Amino acid sequence: MSLAVHASPIQKYLDQEEYEKAFDRVEAFFLQQPEDAKVFAEICELLEALFPHLSKENQEKLLEKACKEISRFPGLKKEQQRMLELYGELFLEKVPDLENLVRATRCLSISLALGGDLSLHKSLSRPFLHKALEGFEVQLQQAAGKGEVGRFQQLLEAISIWHQKFSQSSLDIQKFYEKARLVYRDLNEKNKVQFSSFLEVIERGEKLVIPLKSQKFLTQGYHKRLEEVRSCFQEQGEVRVLQQKRAAKMQEFFHELLDDAIFMLGEPLCQYDIRAMGSLAREEVCPYSDLEYFILIEKEEGRRYFQKLAQIFDLQILSLGETDPKHQELFNFGQKFGLEIDHQANPAFHDSLIGRAEGLLALPEEPNEDDLKAYKAKLRSVSLHGNHTFETPKIDLTKYAQKLLEMRRVDFEKLQILQGEVCAIKQDFVEPLFHFLGDLGLLLGLEECNTLDLIKQLPFFTDLSKRLLEESVSDLYHLRIRLHAESEGIQEEASLIPSLQLPVLKEQEKEALHKTHQLVLLPLYQANLEEKEIDLLKMAMQQPTEEKVRSTARFLQHASIEIHQEYYQMLSSPDHVELQALYQAPQEIQKVLREIPNRAGYRQSRKTEDQELRSRLSLITTEDPSSEIKIRCPLLDKELYLKPDAVKDLIGSKGHIQKGYQNSLHNVSAHGDLHFKELPYQPLMEYAIHSLTHRIMGKATPATTLARIEIPDKKLVYPVVISETISGKEINPKEALDKKHLTWLRLCEILTKPGDGRLSNYLVRQRKVYCIHNDISFMEPVLKPRVGERKVTFCSTLFTRDQSLDKSVLQKFCQLEPDLILTNWLEELQKQEEAYLSLFPDPKELQTFYEQDKDKRFTPTLLLAKGAISTLCMQFYHLQDVLRNKVLEQPTLLLRELISLQNTEKNRVGPLVERQYEKTFSKSFEKRLEAATATRTDQSMTSQKAMQLNYKTIPTFEEIQKRRTYSLQEALQELCLLETQKLWNQVSITKNSEKYSLEADFSSIEDPEREKLLLKALQFLYEAKKQKPTSITLRNTKNLTPAILGKLLHPGLRALDLSYGALVSDTGFLFNATTLSQIETLSPHLEELHLEGCPALRNPVFKLPNLKRLNLSHCSNLVSFKGEYFTLQEFKVNHYSGRAFLDTK
């Protein structure tokens, strides 16, 4: 629609003074809901010209339509402001009843908020002049009616005060005297005689012209005072002090408004107390918080007075221009919303909020949720204005508080905190935290309203939990203040991502919210309030996640090292290695934490070592191919080239690693704190010993990795093991070594049984011994080369020294968990073996490396003799048992406890090894090892010899490729089955001639890590059987993941019982539709399904067409369940809390 179509006829009618026709055109324009902003602005201008020529009725019609339609054009601020101003002025010209005054105030306050001139305050203040004149008249009437001449005189004498407070011009004082004349005229003759002496005063007053002392209008003062109150929210300081100051300022402001309102109405005739609820009562008010209040009165006769007072107070708040349109039928022009009176807690609209204490403060009978919350708000209120303190009725609030807490828990479960792009700060954080703690205070009979004060008094939280609660409450308070201040209005939502519509959360604010959610709210709502001490951090860390770990570490930044250790060690499960890496403490504390092992012995310092090794490799490699020496290894992201200076130090003229050590069997050379060994025997054995010793004692061997070197122009490829260079010196028999470190290393060697522990394979640095070559390990300690002859092959220089053992280390060794250490270690080796094999995918290439030199055979796999892992495991447990019962001081006593697969009561290898070593102490230190082992110590042991000693034969390449006799997988199975023998009393396997069932009950296994071991063993046992069970029962499991369950399910399964299982997925989510889908996919012919007592079942849907029996009893969180396409013969569902229902098709 064009401008000409609408504006021209209207202008023509205006020019011709045909105003009724112009009115029809303007009205038609608004009725068509125009879309063109430019046209609309032109029409508004014409409407303003037409306005004086219309009747009041038509003026109101057009302005109502104009204000309604123009709200759709946010760009027309000037026009919006002007239309609202005209509309407000129109209401002021009407009869000054409450309805018209409210409408005028609405329009004028919004016009001012949109940028209207300050002169608007004159019109905006006029309703209060009307109310003042009305109140003045009523007070005169009351004085005259009672014959109170003195009171009448006081009121007349106080007119100058009324004038200065409420008038808008110097002439307005006359209006007060006119009200006095009207009151006099309404008196009967008798009273007129009594008050006739005031006529002369009234006549003079009706002619008075008294200038106003202030150039500011009443509402201008209100706005200015509110600005001053809000300015204190910009101050910085201690949170609780700021809260008290800000709440006091806000209370003062409301007190001043109520002073004015009471001045208009006169003093109330009964005792009263106007009380604020909500954030103001808790002294947690924000700059734009709304107000909730109620009024206690002494007598019911005073109700009408306080109804009027509430109406004036509401009008005062409305004049500030911040009331939300949805609460009072206001126009919405996109103005900022802020200070208002909560509609549900406004006595101006709800007469039930005015009453006597025994009624308002009495516990409602059969209260609903809203009643309970409203009642608590009244109990936790603060006085805004009053002349009396009413006594709260004595009520036992225990059951009431418990109901509130139950409701909070139900409401909390419905929240989807931090799951979208928008975060509802008040709904998702403030209410669940502040109100829950407030309910706890009510339960305990505490008087404190403020949440920070309350936290200090709550008895069952640990000191650290209280500090965590205080920090979260303070963080939320600061965040709300910022959102209010920057938005200049009520703003309780913020965006987690960049946004133009909402304030965007800063990174530290996001961190604070995640911390509050993960470390405070989740454990708080799961806490048993009957416990004497609640540790929120410990509760949170029982189910750790990345967010929880990061938040915990940040929260504890300034805590002592002991506290850091306490919570860090809650991540001791082998499954939490990556989570441990996320725990970032101050640098000095972090060094200590990195050396703390988890239950499987893994230390984060291992990861640090790998990172350092990777960094060293990156310094000597490049993407520049000019050197032509390619290198690839698991620590490098891609294939790179050696830099020229590295090539010069490492590579000889024929392309091989240079031989930098004269007596070395292999080509070994060093560069940049790294050692390179070509064609290593068992690089994975080096890695395995490094990993195992690190798990037991920390660093004792160099970090290593395998690499592939390729020189295309020479058509040369070979493997190298790369290890960090450990600088040091040989062991000096006269130098005292670090006793603890030496004891640990000796214990490790009892387990790893070295076959080449010559003096040259050890270095000393800062009194600590490091073993630098470990590829010949897990040897039989004693061999029988001929009948009747036994030869010691356990070869370690460490046992040729007589330095005593450290008792504290022996005690700590007994606390280690061999089953978890060895299982996790083997799983790590499996992954590393895969990485090593990926470097040499061509079997022919591997065969060449293995067969080309019998003394230097290379294989990237780990060759373990049959039973080697069982021996290792038994040796571990045996050594612990001995040390728990004996005090050993001399190192050779450890040798006595050596065992092997050939060990028998009559043929124990330990005492023989002990005797052989003890005999040598009469010899010089350098000759002791050779005497004890009958092994030459001046040369390295060849791979050929090592294999013959260890495996009794040389494995063929084909045998290694088949990976049966010597595979890590078999070693892991061997270990799991050995470790779980002590747990088999919980497992029963039933079998008949045609079918068998697998039944296991885990109820007596409290340790989740041991349950995982048993599940692995169960999986190995299951996979070994060709026939699959028709029935599987796995009851009371805590760690049965879909990954494990998926390996047990098969199409022939007819019955499955997972009752009382907290079934979790690999990513930590509880039993969900994915797992049900897995059951339906892998075992679609199930006839029986028992899921009794599964707490994570909420709304399952079953799609099993053959299902005949279904048990969902005792599922505590079950809400609903649906079955599709089956007919049940037997169905059980009881003892659930929700209103569950079954829907079948």
Foldseek 3Di string as FASTA:
>chain_A
DDLCVQLVVLVVCVVVVVLVVNLVSLLVVLVVLDDDPVSLVSSLVSCVSSLVVDDLVSNLVNLVSNLQSCLVPLVPLVSNLVSLQSNLVSLVPDDLDLVSLLSSLLSLLQSVLSPDDLVSLLSNLVSLLVLLLVQLLVQLLVCLVVVPQVSNVVSLVCLVVVCLQRNDFQQSSLSSLVSVVVSLVPDDPVSVVSNVVCVVVSVVRNPGGGGHPDNHHNLSVLLVLLVVLQVLLPDDDDQVVSLVSSLVSVLVSLLVQLVSLCSSNDPQPWWKFKKWFDCSLQSLDASFDEIAIFMATDDPVRLVVVLSSLSSSQSSQSSNSQDDCVLPVHRCSPRFHGYHHPSVRRCNNPVLRYYHQCPLQDQDDPDDLVSLVVNLRVLSIGTSDTDDDDDRDDDQCQVSLVVNLVVLLVLQVPDDAPPDFKHQLCSNFVCSQLVNLSSLCVNVVHNRSHSLVSLVVDQAEDPLLSVLSNVLVSLSSNVQNVQCVVSVHRDRMEGCDDDPPHHHDDPVSVLSSLCCVQQPNVQVSVDDSVHRYDYSLLSSLLQDDLSSQLSVLVSCQPPDLVVVLVSLQSQLPPVNLVSSVSRDYPPVSVVVQQLDHRLLLHGVVVVVQLVVVLVLVVVQWAQDCPVQKWKDWPSDPDITHGHPVVCVFAADPLGHGDQPDDQAPFRWTDDRQKIKTWLAAALLQLQLLQLLLCSQHRGAEWHKTKMWIARVVSRDITIIIMTGHDDAAFDDLVDQADQLLLQSVLLSCLLFQAQQAFRVQWGADPRHIHGYDGNQTLFDQWDDPDPPDIFGRRFHLSQLHWQWHDLVNLVVLLVRDLLSNLLSSLVVSVVSLVRQCVNPVDLVVLQCSQPVDLQRGHDNADFAAVCSLVQSSVLSVQSSVCSVPDPGITSLVNQLSRQDPPDDPVDGPSVLLSVLQVVQNVDDSNCRRCSSGVDDSSHDGGSNVSCCRGHVHDDHSVVVVVQDRGHSVVSSLVSLVVVCPVVCVQWDKADDDPAIETAGECVVPPDLSNLVSPLVNVLVVQVVDPGAHQEYHYEQHAEAALVSVLSNFAQNHAEYAHENYQYAHPSGHTDDAVSLVSNCVGHLAYQYYEHEQHQPAAEEEHERQNHAEYEHANNARYAEYEYENHDYNYYYYDDYDYPYDYHYD
